[in-house]
Amino acid sequence: MKENNYKLSRIVSKITIYLFLVVFAIFIIIPFYWMLVTALKTQAEIELIPPSLFPKEFAWSNFLSKEPGESAFTYNQQARFDLFFKNTLIVSFFSTLGTLITTILSAFAFSRLSFKGRDFLFAALLSTMMIPGEMLIITNFVTVSKFGWINQYQALIVPFMTSVFYIFFLRQAFKKIPDELYYAAKVDGTSDFKYLWRIMIPIASPTIVTITILNALGAWNAYIWPNLVTNDVSMRLITNGLNTAFTVDSRPARNMQMAASTIVTVPILFIFLILRKQIMRGVSRSGIKG
């Protein structure tokens, strides 16, 4: 009798867990489903009340069309989404490249090199993580304004070419590399830079890949700072252009807007799904779990 009750309780608990996961998944999937459905509708179908749950006619031209105003890329010639897309690619690439350079060099210095005040300086850097990022927006804005970087790529790239968290993240991975490898390399006459390039970077590559992905996604999804330092429409990023590029005469074209949102979102999802193992491996190797 007890065994039967135990089996019954296990079955009930599993059913409850799966029901909870299914309901939770539905709440997550519904916004993405509605985005895709809306992106494939014509303008006439968008205005139907009540809205249809599935497109009656697939408007693939919303994604790509050579005709002006017929696709997300050519809808608004004054606020061109293709230009926003190009700006975002440039900012994501160079900010990620700069972050990798500063992160790798700093993490190597704090994990392997011995210099006076190293631990104090690292602790001071870590303490800045306690300051909310919103508190730094005003000082950063004043700085880039004095440099004359408003409406320039420098204002979108330079302030985000370093990250204390990524330095700490990579330092933990570097610290796991045995000191004996470093001493052996020094005995052989290997320079610090050569040791970093030939030994440490290949060993810590999963963590570096994780940092690359996370930083690129952060730059791709940035909204507040790009909106603050760009008054010129031609310098906006895709996150800022999703609203302005598809509103003409105060009437937003929701199908074009959702098509653009799909173009922005789907590549990120694919990158995450393809490289999720690399991300988890990088997190585990850094010693930071959960």
Protein backbone atom coordinates (compact mmCIF):
# COMPACT_ATOMS: atom_id res chain seq x y z
CA MET A 1 0.00 0.00 0.00
CA LYS A 2 2.80 2.39 0.92
CA GLU A 3 4.63 1.54 -2.31
CA ASN A 4 1.52 2.32 -4.37
CA ASN A 5 1.06 5.65 -2.58
CA TYR A 6 4.72 6.47 -3.22
CA LYS A 7 4.37 5.71 -6.95
CA LEU A 8 1.17 7.73 -7.14
CA SER A 9 2.78 10.73 -5.44
CA ARG A 10 5.73 10.58 -7.85
CA ILE A 11 3.39 10.48 -10.85
CA VAL A 12 1.37 13.43 -9.52
CA SER A 13 4.53 15.44 -8.80
CA LYS A 14 5.90 14.80 -12.30
CA ILE A 15 2.59 15.75 -13.92
CA THR A 16 2.53 18.95 -11.87
CA ILE A 17 6.09 19.84 -12.85
CA TYR A 18 5.49 19.21 -16.54
CA LEU A 19 2.23 21.18 -16.49
CA PHE A 20 4.04 24.10 -14.87
CA LEU A 21 6.84 23.93 -17.48
CA VAL A 22 4.35 23.76 -20.35
CA VAL A 23 2.39 26.78 -19.07
CA PHE A 24 5.63 28.69 -18.49
CA ALA A 25 6.85 27.82 -22.00
CA ILE A 26 3.56 28.98 -23.52
CA PHE A 27 3.88 32.38 -21.85
CA ILE A 28 7.42 32.68 -23.26
CA ILE A 29 6.57 31.47 -26.77
CA ILE A 30 3.39 33.53 -27.31
CA PRO A 31 5.20 36.91 -27.81
CA PHE A 32 7.58 35.33 -30.33
CA TYR A 33 4.72 33.62 -32.14
CA TRP A 34 2.74 36.86 -32.33
CA MET A 35 5.81 38.70 -33.62
CA LEU A 36 6.28 36.17 -36.44
CA VAL A 37 2.57 36.07 -37.31
CA THR A 38 2.33 39.86 -37.42
CA ALA A 39 5.49 40.10 -39.51
CA LEU A 40 3.89 37.91 -42.19
CA LYS A 41 0.60 39.83 -42.42
CA THR A 42 -0.38 42.48 -44.96
CA GLN A 43 -1.26 46.00 -43.84
CA ALA A 44 -4.96 45.33 -44.49
CA GLU A 45 -4.92 42.23 -42.30
CA ILE A 46 -3.13 44.12 -39.52
CA GLU A 47 -6.10 46.47 -39.23
CA LEU A 48 -8.68 43.68 -38.82
CA ILE A 49 -10.68 43.61 -35.57
CA PRO A 50 -10.49 41.11 -33.96
CA PRO A 51 -7.02 40.21 -35.21
CA SER A 52 -6.45 36.90 -36.94
CA LEU A 53 -4.33 34.30 -35.17
CA PHE A 54 -2.70 33.17 -38.42
CA PRO A 55 -1.92 35.07 -41.65
CA LYS A 56 -4.51 34.61 -44.37
CA GLU A 57 -1.92 35.70 -46.92
CA PHE A 58 1.81 35.43 -46.33
CA ALA A 59 3.49 38.78 -47.03
CA TRP A 60 7.09 37.62 -47.46
CA SER A 61 7.89 40.96 -49.06
CA ASN A 62 7.82 42.49 -45.55
CA PHE A 63 11.28 40.98 -45.04
CA LEU A 64 12.87 41.61 -48.43
CA SER A 65 11.66 43.50 -51.46
CA LYS A 66 13.32 45.64 -54.11
CA GLU A 67 10.35 48.01 -54.25
CA PRO A 68 10.66 51.15 -52.07
CA GLY A 69 8.41 51.02 -49.03
CA GLU A 70 7.55 47.34 -49.50
CA SER A 71 9.96 45.80 -46.97
CA ALA A 72 11.37 46.52 -43.54
CA PHE A 73 14.67 47.66 -45.06
CA THR A 74 13.12 50.15 -47.51
CA TYR A 75 9.96 51.28 -45.73
CA ASN A 76 11.15 54.71 -44.56
CA GLN A 77 13.75 56.49 -46.69
CA GLN A 78 14.25 59.20 -44.04
CA ALA A 79 14.96 56.64 -41.28
CA ARG A 80 16.44 53.67 -43.11
CA PHE A 81 16.46 50.41 -41.20
CA ASP A 82 19.31 49.05 -43.34
CA LEU A 83 21.47 51.95 -42.14
CA PHE A 84 20.55 51.18 -38.52
CA PHE A 85 21.51 47.57 -39.14
CA LYS A 86 24.91 48.58 -40.54
CA ASN A 87 25.57 50.90 -37.58
CA THR A 88 24.74 48.10 -35.14
CA LEU A 89 27.11 45.68 -36.86
CA ILE A 90 29.94 48.24 -36.74
CA VAL A 91 29.36 49.11 -33.08
CA SER A 92 28.99 45.45 -32.03
CA PHE A 93 32.17 44.39 -33.85
CA PHE A 94 34.50 47.14 -32.63
CA SER A 95 33.17 47.31 -29.07
CA THR A 96 33.55 43.53 -28.76
CA LEU A 97 37.04 43.62 -30.26
CA GLY A 98 38.09 46.39 -27.86
CA THR A 99 36.56 44.56 -24.90
CA LEU A 100 38.46 41.38 -25.79
CA ILE A 101 41.78 43.23 -26.00
CA THR A 102 41.38 45.07 -22.68
CA THR A 103 39.90 42.04 -20.92
CA ILE A 104 42.59 39.57 -22.00
CA LEU A 105 45.49 41.89 -21.19
CA SER A 106 44.03 42.97 -17.83
CA ALA A 107 43.09 39.44 -16.78
CA PHE A 108 46.59 38.23 -17.64
CA ALA A 109 48.18 41.03 -15.62
CA PHE A 110 46.00 40.39 -12.56
CA SER A 111 46.42 36.61 -12.70
CA ARG A 112 50.07 36.10 -13.66
CA LEU A 113 52.17 39.26 -13.35
CA SER A 114 53.50 40.40 -9.99
CA PHE A 115 53.58 44.17 -9.47
CA LYS A 116 53.17 46.48 -6.51
CA GLY A 117 49.55 47.19 -5.59
CA ARG A 118 48.12 44.49 -7.85
CA ASP A 119 45.65 43.10 -5.34
CA PHE A 120 44.60 46.55 -4.13
CA LEU A 121 44.01 47.73 -7.71
CA PHE A 122 42.00 44.61 -8.53
CA ALA A 123 39.89 45.06 -5.39
CA ALA A 124 39.30 48.71 -6.34
CA LEU A 125 38.13 47.63 -9.79
CA LEU A 126 35.79 45.04 -8.31
CA SER A 127 34.31 47.66 -6.00
CA THR A 128 33.15 49.66 -9.04
CA MET A 129 30.79 46.77 -9.83
CA MET A 130 28.75 47.86 -6.83
CA ILE A 131 27.91 51.16 -8.56
CA PRO A 132 24.74 51.00 -10.71
CA GLY A 133 25.46 51.66 -14.37
CA GLU A 134 22.75 54.33 -14.51
CA MET A 135 24.84 56.52 -12.16
CA LEU A 136 27.64 56.64 -14.73
CA ILE A 137 25.49 57.73 -17.66
CA ILE A 138 25.66 61.46 -16.84
CA THR A 139 29.44 61.53 -16.33
CA ASN A 140 30.00 59.48 -19.48
CA PHE A 141 27.71 61.77 -21.45
CA VAL A 142 29.53 64.89 -20.23
CA THR A 143 32.87 63.30 -21.15
CA VAL A 144 31.92 62.30 -24.70
CA SER A 145 30.26 65.71 -25.19
CA LYS A 146 33.51 67.52 -24.30
CA PHE A 147 35.38 65.25 -26.70
CA GLY A 148 32.91 66.19 -29.43
CA TRP A 149 31.82 62.61 -29.97
CA ILE A 150 28.06 63.18 -30.07
CA ASN A 151 26.64 61.53 -33.22
CA GLN A 152 29.97 59.75 -33.72
CA TYR A 153 30.85 56.06 -33.60
CA GLN A 154 33.38 56.80 -30.84
CA ALA A 155 30.61 57.64 -28.39
CA LEU A 156 28.93 54.31 -29.10
CA ILE A 157 32.09 52.20 -28.95
CA VAL A 158 34.79 53.62 -26.65
CA PRO A 159 32.83 53.78 -23.34
CA PHE A 160 32.07 50.07 -23.63
CA MET A 161 35.48 48.74 -24.65
CA THR A 162 36.17 47.48 -21.14
CA SER A 163 34.25 45.54 -18.51
CA VAL A 164 35.32 44.86 -14.93
CA PHE A 165 33.04 41.82 -14.77
CA TYR A 166 34.61 40.25 -17.87
CA ILE A 167 38.09 40.93 -16.48
CA PHE A 168 37.14 39.14 -13.27
CA PHE A 169 35.44 36.40 -15.30
CA LEU A 170 38.53 35.70 -17.43
CA ARG A 171 40.95 36.13 -14.51
CA GLN A 172 39.25 33.21 -12.75
CA ALA A 173 39.82 31.05 -15.84
CA PHE A 174 43.46 32.15 -16.09
CA LYS A 175 44.01 31.41 -12.39
CA LYS A 176 43.09 27.76 -13.01
CA ILE A 177 46.04 27.33 -15.39
CA PRO A 178 48.94 25.77 -13.41
CA ASP A 179 51.77 28.12 -12.48
CA GLU A 180 54.25 25.43 -13.51
CA LEU A 181 53.43 26.10 -17.17
CA TYR A 182 54.35 29.76 -16.73
CA TYR A 183 57.60 29.02 -14.92
CA ALA A 184 58.58 26.42 -17.51
CA ALA A 185 57.88 28.89 -20.30
CA LYS A 186 60.01 31.55 -18.58
CA VAL A 187 62.87 29.08 -18.21
CA ASP A 188 62.70 28.48 -21.97
CA GLY A 189 62.98 32.22 -22.55
CA THR A 190 59.36 32.75 -23.61
CA SER A 191 58.10 36.30 -23.27
CA ASP A 192 54.95 37.09 -21.33
CA PHE A 193 53.07 38.06 -24.46
CA LYS A 194 54.08 34.89 -26.29
CA TYR A 195 53.05 32.77 -23.29
CA LEU A 196 49.69 34.56 -23.20
CA TRP A 197 49.14 34.05 -26.94
CA ARG A 198 50.38 30.46 -27.22
CA ILE A 199 49.31 28.95 -23.89
CA MET A 200 46.73 30.90 -21.90
CA ILE A 201 44.41 32.07 -24.66
CA PRO A 202 43.98 28.58 -26.23
CA ILE A 203 43.36 26.98 -22.82
CA ALA A 204 40.85 29.66 -21.80
CA SER A 205 39.21 29.83 -25.24
CA PRO A 206 35.74 28.65 -24.01
CA THR A 207 35.63 31.55 -21.54
CA ILE A 208 36.84 34.00 -24.20
CA VAL A 209 34.17 32.75 -26.61
CA THR A 210 31.56 33.26 -23.86
CA ILE A 211 32.74 36.83 -23.27
CA THR A 212 32.66 37.51 -27.02
CA ILE A 213 29.07 36.28 -27.34
CA LEU A 214 27.76 38.08 -24.25
CA ASN A 215 29.43 41.36 -25.15
CA ALA A 216 28.23 41.23 -28.76
CA LEU A 217 24.68 40.56 -27.59
CA GLY A 218 24.90 43.42 -25.11
CA ALA A 219 26.02 45.82 -27.85
CA TRP A 220 23.35 44.46 -30.20
CA ASN A 221 20.58 45.08 -27.65
CA ALA A 222 21.82 48.44 -26.29
CA TYR A 223 19.09 51.09 -26.18
CA ILE A 224 19.46 53.85 -23.57
CA TRP A 225 23.03 54.97 -24.27
CA PRO A 226 22.78 54.96 -28.11
CA ASN A 227 19.54 56.92 -27.86
CA LEU A 228 21.25 59.47 -25.60
CA VAL A 229 24.36 60.17 -27.68
CA THR A 230 22.81 60.12 -31.17
CA ASN A 231 20.60 62.99 -32.28
CA ASP A 232 21.22 62.30 -35.96
CA VAL A 233 18.83 59.64 -37.29
CA SER A 234 21.56 58.22 -39.54
CA MET A 235 23.61 57.23 -36.46
CA ARG A 236 20.86 55.33 -34.66
CA LEU A 237 21.08 51.61 -33.90
CA ILE A 238 18.41 49.01 -34.64
CA THR A 239 16.99 49.10 -31.12
CA ASN A 240 16.33 52.83 -31.48
CA GLY A 241 15.17 52.55 -35.07
CA LEU A 242 12.49 49.93 -34.53
CA ASN A 243 10.08 52.70 -33.58
CA THR A 244 11.18 55.69 -35.67
CA ALA A 245 11.83 53.79 -38.91
CA PHE A 246 8.30 52.41 -39.16
CA THR A 247 6.19 55.38 -38.09
CA VAL A 248 4.98 57.68 -40.86
CA ASP A 249 2.43 60.41 -40.16
CA SER A 250 2.01 59.05 -36.60
CA ARG A 251 0.81 55.70 -37.96
CA PRO A 252 3.16 52.80 -37.18
CA ALA A 253 3.32 49.98 -39.70
CA ARG A 254 3.10 47.08 -37.27
CA ASN A 255 3.78 44.38 -39.85
CA MET A 256 7.00 46.08 -40.99
CA GLN A 257 7.95 46.74 -37.37
CA MET A 258 7.49 43.10 -36.43
CA ALA A 259 9.37 41.99 -39.56
CA ALA A 260 12.29 44.17 -38.47
CA SER A 261 12.04 42.79 -34.92
CA THR A 262 12.20 39.26 -36.35
CA ILE A 263 15.26 40.15 -38.42
CA VAL A 264 16.91 41.48 -35.26
CA THR A 265 15.83 38.64 -32.93
CA VAL A 266 16.19 35.45 -34.97
CA PRO A 267 19.99 35.70 -35.55
CA ILE A 268 20.52 36.17 -31.79
CA LEU A 269 18.43 33.08 -31.01
CA PHE A 270 20.32 30.99 -33.56
CA ILE A 271 23.69 32.14 -32.23
CA PHE A 272 22.66 31.27 -28.69
CA LEU A 273 21.29 27.85 -29.67
CA ILE A 274 24.39 26.98 -31.68
CA LEU A 275 26.91 28.22 -29.11
CA ARG A 276 25.06 27.48 -25.85
CA LYS A 277 27.48 24.63 -25.03
CA GLN A 278 30.42 27.00 -25.43
CA ILE A 279 28.75 29.48 -23.09
CA MET A 280 28.12 26.86 -20.39
CA ARG A 281 31.64 25.47 -20.77
CA GLY A 282 33.11 28.94 -20.42
CA VAL A 283 31.08 29.62 -17.27
CA SER A 284 32.12 26.31 -15.69
CA ARG A 285 35.80 26.84 -16.50
CA SER A 286 35.81 30.31 -14.99
CA GLY A 287 34.78 28.89 -11.63
CA ILE A 288 31.52 30.84 -11.58
CA LYS A 289 28.53 28.54 -11.62
CA GLY A 290 24.80 29.12 -11.36
